[in-house]
Amino acid sequence: MSIQQAFFNRASAPPRVLVNCFINTVNVVVGTPVTYTPAVLSGYPAPVLLGDTWKVNGIVVGTGPIYTPVSGDNAKTLTVEESWSNAFGAATSVSTGAVVGAAASAPVVVTAPGIPTVPVTGVPTVYTPAVITAVPAATLTNRIWKLNTVTIAGAVGATYTPVSTDVGGALTVTEVWTNSNGTVSTTSLPYTVAQGYLAPGPVTAPILNGNPQVGVLSTYTQGVVSGVPTPTLTEIRWMVTQPPPPGGQFPTPPLIIAYGPTYTPTADKAGQTLWVNEVWNNIQGRLVYSSANKIIAAAGATFTPTNNGYYESDTSMTPIAPSVKFSPDGTVQAMTVNGTYTTIGQWGYPVPTAGAGAGYQIIVGDSNLVGGPIGDTPNAWLRMDVDRWWGVEAPYYGLSSVREMSYFVQPFGGGSYVGSGTIRCYCAR
């Protein structure tokens, strides 16, 4: 072989595809021209492009460097194919396929949004979004809920919960869709809002008033609940925790010890935890609403007031007004004549809120006994108002006169008397 022949054999080569041709347009759509980038090949002498062919789903639809898809190409696959050759052979390059989309367009409503069920108060209303066609795809840019064609302030979410003032009104939802070619709005058909129903729900828990104590009437403040229709309070339960049985490893379940708006703890409940359970009901459900817990205190001191001594007026027949003061443990602390306490026209005064006597009140047994406020001293007190009769009887008859009036002590709010006493006035001329 000559040197010339060897060089000729080494330099000559048939076409070989190094990089396939590819379609330049990212989004191929009907009506928009499509171009492509030719393949990269090797070979010697340099390969020559013999022709390019456009195909849709494998069927030839055009030739040349540009092709404009038609409506019949929509949703089909477009490719371009090149044919190359040189003196020593031929090669073919085929692009990756691109799906042809519809022609660019502004948003068009296919189906309006819809409210599928009756909107009711208290329940979130869900709707079915609109169906929109657009090229490129449209975006939901706004949502507006309206009642009787009036925009509901702040109602732009995917749901809307009607309120009581909406009942009977026509509810609609409007969507606004946008793309680079335009905007469209679409509104649902109106749907009349109906009264809904809600099970009882907690708002403000019941509250135990004061501190529970053995022998003292306990009351509570009723809780506040929501619900439609308005829930009814069907039961008030007074509950306590029980100590576990001897050797028990688990606490004993709570115990219902009373029903009703009040409860007076008994001695066996001292030290236990007390609370109130309210039971609320309506046609939608039931709620058990509990107050905070409080510990039941032991009983206060027993009241054993003593009878008072004798007091007499002076010789000028000046009316006297003996009074008695009670110390925190309920016993008589002192007697005064013509005291300076302020008389107020109300019977029954609580004993101090501090000390062993807390939670008790003084009950008078005669209209001539009046009492002074706790704030006057740390002790409650009573005074016999003798002005109504004392200065009349004794002076006229020139006789000694004695009057006694009774008072009683009982737990504040009611209950059995735990003590009693007497105010006694004596006058001698």
Protein backbone atom coordinates (compact mmCIF):
# COMPACT_ATOMS: atom_id res chain seq x y z
CA MET A 1 0.00 0.00 0.00
CA SER A 2 1.32 3.40 -0.96
CA ILE A 3 1.70 6.22 1.52
CA GLN A 4 -0.97 8.16 -0.34
CA GLN A 5 -3.46 5.28 -0.07
CA ALA A 6 -2.87 4.86 3.67
CA PHE A 7 -3.49 8.57 4.32
CA PHE A 8 -6.68 8.44 2.29
CA ASN A 9 -8.05 5.48 4.30
CA ARG A 10 -7.23 7.15 7.66
CA ALA A 11 -8.88 10.53 6.89
CA SER A 12 -12.11 9.37 5.25
CA ALA A 13 -15.13 8.46 7.54
CA PRO A 14 -18.93 8.12 7.19
CA PRO A 15 -21.29 10.51 9.08
CA ARG A 16 -21.87 9.72 12.78
CA VAL A 17 -24.34 11.59 15.07
CA LEU A 18 -22.67 13.06 18.12
CA VAL A 19 -25.58 15.22 19.40
CA ASN A 20 -29.13 14.79 18.14
CA CYS A 21 -31.13 17.68 16.80
CA PHE A 22 -33.64 19.21 19.26
CA ILE A 23 -36.75 21.42 19.24
CA ASN A 24 -36.03 24.94 20.49
CA THR A 25 -39.51 25.90 21.73
CA VAL A 26 -40.17 24.97 25.35
CA ASN A 27 -43.98 25.12 25.14
CA VAL A 28 -45.13 23.96 21.74
CA VAL A 29 -48.65 25.21 21.08
CA VAL A 30 -51.03 25.35 18.15
CA GLY A 31 -50.48 28.41 15.95
CA THR A 32 -46.98 29.27 17.17
CA PRO A 33 -44.00 28.55 14.82
CA VAL A 34 -41.51 25.95 16.07
CA THR A 35 -37.80 25.88 15.22
CA TYR A 36 -35.07 23.39 15.95
CA THR A 37 -31.29 23.14 16.36
CA PRO A 38 -29.49 20.80 13.92
CA ALA A 39 -27.58 17.75 15.06
CA VAL A 40 -23.81 17.65 15.58
CA LEU A 41 -22.03 14.97 13.49
CA SER A 42 -18.56 13.64 12.73
CA GLY A 43 -17.33 12.31 9.34
CA TYR A 44 -14.98 13.09 6.52
CA PRO A 45 -15.58 14.76 4.28
CA ALA A 46 -18.09 16.84 6.29
CA PRO A 47 -21.61 15.40 6.23
CA VAL A 48 -24.24 17.33 4.29
CA LEU A 49 -27.87 17.81 5.42
CA LEU A 50 -30.04 16.26 2.79
CA GLY A 51 -33.37 17.26 4.40
CA ASP A 52 -35.44 17.74 7.58
CA THR A 53 -38.86 16.27 8.18
CA TRP A 54 -41.49 17.26 10.83
CA LYS A 55 -43.68 14.47 12.13
CA VAL A 56 -46.75 14.37 14.44
CA ASN A 57 -47.28 11.01 16.09
CA GLY A 58 -44.90 9.58 13.45
CA ILE A 59 -46.76 11.00 10.44
CA VAL A 60 -44.97 13.52 8.22
CA VAL A 61 -46.60 16.94 8.50
CA GLY A 62 -43.91 19.25 7.09
CA THR A 63 -40.32 19.90 6.01
CA GLY A 64 -37.83 22.68 6.46
CA PRO A 65 -36.37 24.48 9.47
CA ILE A 66 -39.74 25.78 10.81
CA TYR A 67 -43.10 24.16 11.48
CA THR A 68 -46.32 25.77 12.81
CA PRO A 69 -48.62 23.26 14.56
CA VAL A 70 -52.28 23.23 13.51
CA SER A 71 -55.36 22.50 15.60
CA GLY A 72 -55.27 18.84 14.60
CA ASP A 73 -51.86 18.50 16.23
CA ASN A 74 -53.19 19.43 19.69
CA ALA A 75 -52.22 16.93 22.39
CA LYS A 76 -50.06 14.95 19.94
CA THR A 77 -46.26 14.47 19.88
CA LEU A 78 -44.15 16.56 17.49
CA THR A 79 -40.63 15.48 16.34
CA VAL A 80 -38.13 16.62 13.76
CA GLU A 81 -35.91 14.22 11.76
CA GLU A 82 -32.71 15.07 9.82
CA SER A 83 -30.98 13.07 7.02
CA TRP A 84 -27.18 13.50 6.61
CA SER A 85 -24.62 11.96 4.16
CA ASN A 86 -21.10 12.17 2.69
CA ALA A 87 -19.17 10.12 0.15
CA PHE A 88 -18.78 7.27 2.59
CA GLY A 89 -22.21 6.91 4.13
CA ALA A 90 -25.41 8.42 5.68
CA ALA A 91 -26.86 9.13 9.13
CA THR A 92 -30.24 10.12 10.63
CA SER A 93 -30.89 12.32 13.72
CA VAL A 94 -34.27 12.37 15.48
CA SER A 95 -35.23 14.91 18.18
CA THR A 96 -36.98 14.21 21.43
CA GLY A 97 -40.76 14.58 21.08
CA ALA A 98 -42.73 17.59 22.35
CA VAL A 99 -46.44 17.44 23.11
CA VAL A 100 -48.39 20.10 21.24
CA GLY A 101 -50.62 22.25 23.43
CA ALA A 102 -53.67 24.28 22.59
CA ALA A 103 -53.30 27.75 21.18
CA ALA A 104 -52.47 30.55 23.67
CA SER A 105 -55.64 32.02 25.10
CA ALA A 106 -57.13 34.04 27.91
CA PRO A 107 -58.93 32.11 30.70
CA VAL A 108 -62.27 30.64 29.67
CA VAL A 109 -64.88 29.30 32.14
CA VAL A 110 -65.85 25.70 31.52
CA THR A 111 -67.77 25.19 34.78
CA ALA A 112 -68.66 27.88 37.33
CA PRO A 113 -67.96 27.33 41.04
CA GLY A 114 -70.75 25.69 42.98
CA ILE A 115 -72.03 25.37 46.57
CA PRO A 116 -73.04 21.71 46.81
CA THR A 117 -74.97 21.73 50.10
CA VAL A 118 -77.27 24.07 52.02
CA PRO A 119 -75.12 26.59 53.93
CA VAL A 120 -76.01 26.62 57.63
CA THR A 121 -74.93 28.83 60.50
CA GLY A 122 -72.00 27.65 62.54
CA VAL A 123 -70.79 25.16 59.93
CA PRO A 124 -68.05 25.96 57.37
CA THR A 125 -69.49 26.12 53.85
CA VAL A 126 -67.26 24.36 51.31
CA TYR A 127 -67.62 24.98 47.59
CA THR A 128 -66.49 23.30 44.34
CA PRO A 129 -63.94 25.45 42.43
CA ALA A 130 -64.54 26.51 38.82
CA VAL A 131 -63.06 24.63 35.85
CA ILE A 132 -61.02 26.98 33.65
CA THR A 133 -59.16 26.51 30.34
CA ALA A 134 -56.29 28.82 29.37
CA VAL A 135 -52.91 28.77 27.67
CA PRO A 136 -50.77 29.20 29.60
CA ALA A 137 -52.67 27.82 32.59
CA ALA A 138 -54.59 30.42 34.62
CA THR A 139 -54.06 31.11 38.34
CA LEU A 140 -56.79 31.75 40.94
CA THR A 141 -56.00 35.32 42.02
CA ASN A 142 -59.05 36.20 44.14
CA ARG A 143 -62.03 34.66 45.92
CA ILE A 144 -65.00 36.67 47.20
CA TRP A 145 -67.93 35.46 49.33
CA LYS A 146 -71.09 37.56 49.08
CA LEU A 147 -74.45 37.68 50.85
CA ASN A 148 -77.30 39.14 48.81
CA THR A 149 -74.66 40.33 46.28
CA VAL A 150 -72.85 42.36 48.99
CA THR A 151 -69.22 41.44 49.69
CA ILE A 152 -68.71 39.87 53.13
CA ALA A 153 -65.78 41.67 54.74
CA GLY A 154 -62.73 39.45 55.12
CA ALA A 155 -64.39 36.40 53.56
CA VAL A 156 -61.80 35.30 50.98
CA GLY A 157 -60.95 31.79 52.16
CA ALA A 158 -61.75 28.40 50.72
CA THR A 159 -64.65 28.14 53.19
CA TYR A 160 -67.09 30.53 54.86
CA THR A 161 -68.97 29.94 58.11
CA PRO A 162 -72.37 31.69 58.11
CA VAL A 163 -73.50 33.56 61.22
CA SER A 164 -77.01 34.04 62.60
CA THR A 165 -77.52 37.34 60.75
CA ASP A 166 -76.93 35.52 57.44
CA VAL A 167 -80.02 33.31 57.84
CA GLY A 168 -82.39 33.75 54.88
CA GLY A 169 -79.77 35.53 52.77
CA ALA A 170 -78.45 34.37 49.39
CA LEU A 171 -74.83 33.19 49.65
CA THR A 172 -72.51 33.11 46.60
CA VAL A 173 -68.81 32.72 45.94
CA THR A 174 -66.92 34.42 43.10
CA GLU A 175 -63.54 33.33 41.71
CA VAL A 176 -61.14 35.45 39.64
CA TRP A 177 -58.71 33.63 37.30
CA THR A 178 -55.78 35.24 35.46
CA ASN A 179 -53.01 34.39 32.96
CA SER A 180 -50.75 36.46 30.70
CA ASN A 181 -53.53 36.74 28.13
CA GLY A 182 -56.34 37.99 30.36
CA THR A 183 -58.65 37.61 33.36
CA VAL A 184 -62.06 36.08 33.92
CA SER A 185 -64.41 36.00 36.96
CA THR A 186 -67.12 33.47 37.59
CA THR A 187 -69.80 33.26 40.32
CA SER A 188 -71.73 30.35 41.80
CA LEU A 189 -75.49 30.16 41.88
CA PRO A 190 -76.97 31.66 45.10
CA TYR A 191 -77.86 29.36 47.98
CA THR A 192 -80.11 30.45 50.87
CA VAL A 193 -78.48 30.26 54.31
CA ALA A 194 -80.37 28.17 56.88
CA GLN A 195 -80.22 28.06 60.65
CA GLY A 196 -77.66 25.48 61.70
CA TYR A 197 -77.27 23.41 64.83
CA LEU A 198 -74.26 23.26 67.12
CA ALA A 199 -73.64 21.01 70.09
CA PRO A 200 -73.00 22.75 73.43
CA GLY A 201 -69.53 24.26 73.61
CA PRO A 202 -67.53 25.79 76.52
CA VAL A 203 -67.32 29.58 76.91
CA THR A 204 -66.84 30.39 80.62
CA ALA A 205 -66.41 27.60 83.17
CA PRO A 206 -68.56 27.45 86.33
CA ILE A 207 -66.89 28.89 89.45
CA LEU A 208 -67.04 27.74 93.07
CA ASN A 209 -67.82 30.74 95.25
CA GLY A 210 -65.59 31.25 98.26
CA ASN A 211 -63.81 28.39 99.98
CA PRO A 212 -65.80 25.27 100.82
CA GLN A 213 -65.96 24.40 104.53
CA VAL A 214 -67.64 21.70 106.55
CA GLY A 215 -71.01 22.89 107.79
CA VAL A 216 -71.05 25.97 105.55
CA LEU A 217 -73.35 26.25 102.53
CA SER A 218 -71.36 26.21 99.27
CA THR A 219 -72.69 28.00 96.20
CA TYR A 220 -71.31 28.47 92.71
CA THR A 221 -71.59 30.76 89.68
CA GLN A 222 -73.12 29.12 86.63
CA GLY A 223 -70.96 28.61 83.55
CA VAL A 224 -71.60 30.05 80.11
CA VAL A 225 -71.88 27.80 77.05
CA SER A 226 -72.57 28.19 73.35
CA GLY A 227 -74.74 26.10 71.04
CA VAL A 228 -77.69 26.17 68.64
CA PRO A 229 -80.39 25.78 69.73
CA THR A 230 -79.53 27.31 73.13
CA PRO A 231 -78.35 24.48 75.41
CA THR A 232 -80.32 23.66 78.56
CA LEU A 233 -78.68 23.08 81.94
CA THR A 234 -80.12 19.69 82.85
CA GLU A 235 -78.03 18.72 85.86
CA ILE A 236 -75.71 20.23 88.49
CA ARG A 237 -73.45 17.72 90.19
CA TRP A 238 -71.27 18.35 93.25
CA MET A 239 -68.21 16.12 92.96
CA VAL A 240 -65.44 15.06 95.33
CA THR A 241 -62.35 12.95 95.02
CA GLN A 242 -62.11 10.00 97.31
CA PRO A 243 -58.99 8.71 99.03
CA PRO A 244 -57.84 5.32 97.72
CA PRO A 245 -58.83 2.28 99.77
CA PRO A 246 -56.25 0.93 102.24
CA GLY A 247 -53.43 -0.65 100.28
CA GLY A 248 -54.91 0.58 97.02
CA GLN A 249 -52.52 1.52 94.24
CA PHE A 250 -54.98 3.46 92.11
CA PRO A 251 -57.17 6.48 93.00
CA THR A 252 -60.86 5.96 93.56
CA PRO A 253 -63.07 7.48 90.81
CA PRO A 254 -64.75 10.84 91.59
CA LEU A 255 -68.00 10.62 93.51
CA ILE A 256 -71.22 12.57 92.99
CA ILE A 257 -72.23 13.72 96.48
CA ALA A 258 -75.09 16.13 95.73
CA TYR A 259 -77.25 17.64 93.02
CA GLY A 260 -78.54 21.18 92.75
CA PRO A 261 -77.24 24.75 93.02
CA THR A 262 -75.91 24.46 96.61
CA TYR A 263 -74.17 21.94 98.82
CA THR A 264 -73.16 21.94 102.50
CA PRO A 265 -70.08 19.73 103.09
CA THR A 266 -70.29 17.22 105.93
CA ALA A 267 -67.48 16.39 108.36
CA ASP A 268 -66.45 13.23 106.49
CA LYS A 269 -65.63 15.32 103.39
CA ALA A 270 -63.05 17.54 105.12
CA GLY A 271 -59.78 17.60 103.18
CA GLN A 272 -61.31 16.23 99.97
CA THR A 273 -61.32 18.06 96.65
CA LEU A 274 -64.65 19.62 95.66
CA TRP A 275 -65.84 20.84 92.26
CA VAL A 276 -69.06 21.30 90.28
CA ASN A 277 -70.01 19.52 87.05
CA GLU A 278 -72.72 21.13 84.93
CA VAL A 279 -74.47 19.00 82.31
CA TRP A 280 -75.69 20.96 79.26
CA ASN A 281 -77.79 19.47 76.46
CA ASN A 282 -79.37 20.37 73.14
CA ILE A 283 -80.48 18.30 70.15
CA GLN A 284 -76.93 18.23 68.80
CA GLY A 285 -75.14 16.90 71.84
CA ARG A 286 -74.12 17.09 75.47
CA LEU A 287 -71.42 18.95 77.42
CA VAL A 288 -70.14 18.26 80.94
CA TYR A 289 -68.54 21.53 82.11
CA SER A 290 -66.39 21.47 85.26
CA SER A 291 -65.35 24.19 87.68
CA ALA A 292 -61.87 24.43 89.15
CA ASN A 293 -61.16 22.29 92.23
CA LYS A 294 -61.05 23.50 95.81
CA ILE A 295 -60.20 21.70 99.06
CA ILE A 296 -62.98 21.38 101.66
CA ALA A 297 -61.83 22.97 104.94
CA ALA A 298 -62.64 21.54 108.34
CA ALA A 299 -65.47 23.02 110.38
CA GLY A 300 -64.96 26.35 112.18
CA ALA A 301 -65.30 26.87 115.95
CA THR A 302 -68.63 26.09 117.62
CA PHE A 303 -70.47 29.24 118.67
CA THR A 304 -71.35 29.40 122.35
CA PRO A 305 -72.19 33.07 123.04
CA THR A 306 -72.91 33.86 126.68
CA ASN A 307 -75.84 35.85 127.98
CA ASN A 308 -75.12 39.43 128.78
CA GLY A 309 -75.17 41.08 132.21
CA TYR A 310 -77.52 43.71 133.55
CA TYR A 311 -77.28 47.36 132.59
CA GLU A 312 -79.44 50.18 133.92
CA SER A 313 -80.25 53.70 132.82
CA ASP A 314 -79.38 56.77 134.80
CA THR A 315 -81.92 58.59 136.98
CA SER A 316 -82.80 61.02 134.18
CA MET A 317 -84.35 58.16 132.32
CA THR A 318 -81.96 58.56 129.35
CA PRO A 319 -82.64 55.60 127.05
CA ILE A 320 -79.79 53.14 126.88
CA ALA A 321 -78.68 51.07 123.93
CA PRO A 322 -76.69 48.05 125.10
CA SER A 323 -74.78 46.19 122.42
CA VAL A 324 -72.77 43.00 122.11
CA LYS A 325 -69.68 42.32 119.99
CA PHE A 326 -68.55 38.91 118.78
CA SER A 327 -64.95 37.79 118.55
CA PRO A 328 -63.78 35.65 115.61
CA ASP A 329 -64.45 32.43 117.50
CA GLY A 330 -68.06 33.47 118.05
CA THR A 331 -67.96 34.18 121.78
CA VAL A 332 -69.11 37.47 123.28
CA GLN A 333 -66.16 39.77 123.52
CA ALA A 334 -67.54 42.90 125.20
CA MET A 335 -70.67 44.82 126.17
CA THR A 336 -71.08 48.56 125.71
CA VAL A 337 -73.81 50.99 126.66
CA ASN A 338 -74.79 53.80 124.32
CA GLY A 339 -72.14 52.66 121.83
CA THR A 340 -71.22 54.67 118.76
CA TYR A 341 -71.88 51.97 116.19
CA THR A 342 -73.89 52.97 113.15
CA THR A 343 -77.36 51.47 113.02
CA ILE A 344 -78.44 50.06 109.65
CA GLY A 345 -81.78 48.51 108.88
CA GLN A 346 -80.73 44.99 107.96
CA TRP A 347 -80.84 41.79 109.96
CA GLY A 348 -78.19 39.09 109.92
CA TYR A 349 -74.51 39.97 109.68
CA PRO A 350 -71.63 37.69 108.76
CA VAL A 351 -69.01 37.04 111.35
CA PRO A 352 -65.44 37.92 110.22
CA THR A 353 -64.08 36.20 107.13
CA ALA A 354 -60.82 35.44 108.93
CA GLY A 355 -60.28 33.22 111.92
CA ALA A 356 -62.13 30.19 113.21
CA GLY A 357 -65.51 31.91 112.96
CA ALA A 358 -65.29 32.53 109.21
CA GLY A 359 -68.43 31.72 107.29
CA TYR A 360 -71.02 32.27 110.02
CA GLN A 361 -73.72 34.90 110.41
CA ILE A 362 -75.78 36.40 113.23
CA ILE A 363 -79.56 36.09 112.98
CA VAL A 364 -81.75 38.32 115.16
CA GLY A 365 -84.97 37.17 116.72
CA ASP A 366 -86.61 40.53 117.39
CA SER A 367 -87.15 43.67 115.35
CA ASN A 368 -85.54 45.78 118.08
CA LEU A 369 -82.15 44.15 117.48
CA VAL A 370 -79.99 45.77 114.85
CA GLY A 371 -76.45 45.02 113.72
CA GLY A 372 -73.29 46.79 112.69
CA PRO A 373 -71.11 46.12 109.65
CA ILE A 374 -68.08 43.85 109.79
CA GLY A 375 -65.92 46.70 108.59
CA ASP A 376 -66.54 48.59 111.86
CA THR A 377 -64.21 46.26 113.79
CA PRO A 378 -62.79 42.79 113.13
CA ASN A 379 -65.96 41.52 114.87
CA ALA A 380 -69.65 41.45 114.12
CA TRP A 381 -71.99 43.07 116.66
CA LEU A 382 -75.64 43.56 117.62
CA ARG A 383 -77.34 46.40 119.42
CA MET A 384 -80.71 46.57 121.14
CA ASP A 385 -82.60 49.60 119.92
CA VAL A 386 -84.54 50.42 123.10
CA ASP A 387 -85.55 53.94 122.11
CA ARG A 388 -88.89 52.69 120.85
CA TRP A 389 -90.18 51.57 124.23
CA TRP A 390 -87.66 51.98 127.03
CA GLY A 391 -88.17 55.70 127.65
CA VAL A 392 -91.95 55.30 127.91
CA GLU A 393 -92.86 52.42 130.17
CA ALA A 394 -90.45 52.84 133.07
CA PRO A 395 -90.82 56.60 133.62
CA TYR A 396 -94.61 56.49 133.60
CA TYR A 397 -95.02 53.63 135.99
CA GLY A 398 -91.97 54.29 138.13
CA LEU A 399 -91.06 50.60 137.93
CA SER A 400 -88.04 48.60 137.11
CA SER A 401 -88.10 47.12 133.63
CA VAL A 402 -86.17 44.28 132.05
CA ARG A 403 -86.15 43.36 128.35
CA GLU A 404 -84.46 40.40 126.72
CA MET A 405 -83.99 39.80 123.03
CA SER A 406 -82.50 36.69 121.42
CA TYR A 407 -79.99 36.25 118.61
CA PHE A 408 -78.78 33.11 116.88
CA VAL A 409 -75.65 32.03 115.03
CA GLN A 410 -75.75 29.86 111.89
CA PRO A 411 -73.54 29.07 108.86
CA PHE A 412 -73.55 31.91 106.35
CA GLY A 413 -76.26 31.30 103.76
CA GLY A 414 -78.38 29.03 105.95
CA GLY A 415 -78.28 25.83 107.93
CA SER A 416 -78.83 24.74 111.51
CA TYR A 417 -78.10 27.20 114.35
CA VAL A 418 -74.77 26.55 116.03
CA GLY A 419 -75.23 28.96 118.91
CA SER A 420 -77.49 31.59 120.46
CA GLY A 421 -77.45 34.37 123.00
CA THR A 422 -79.48 37.10 124.64
CA ILE A 423 -79.17 40.85 124.98
CA ARG A 424 -80.79 41.83 128.29
CA CYS A 425 -81.48 45.42 129.37
CA TYR A 426 -82.51 46.39 132.93
CA CYS A 427 -83.75 49.76 134.04
CA ALA A 428 -84.64 50.88 137.57
CA ARG A 429 -85.87 54.22 138.61
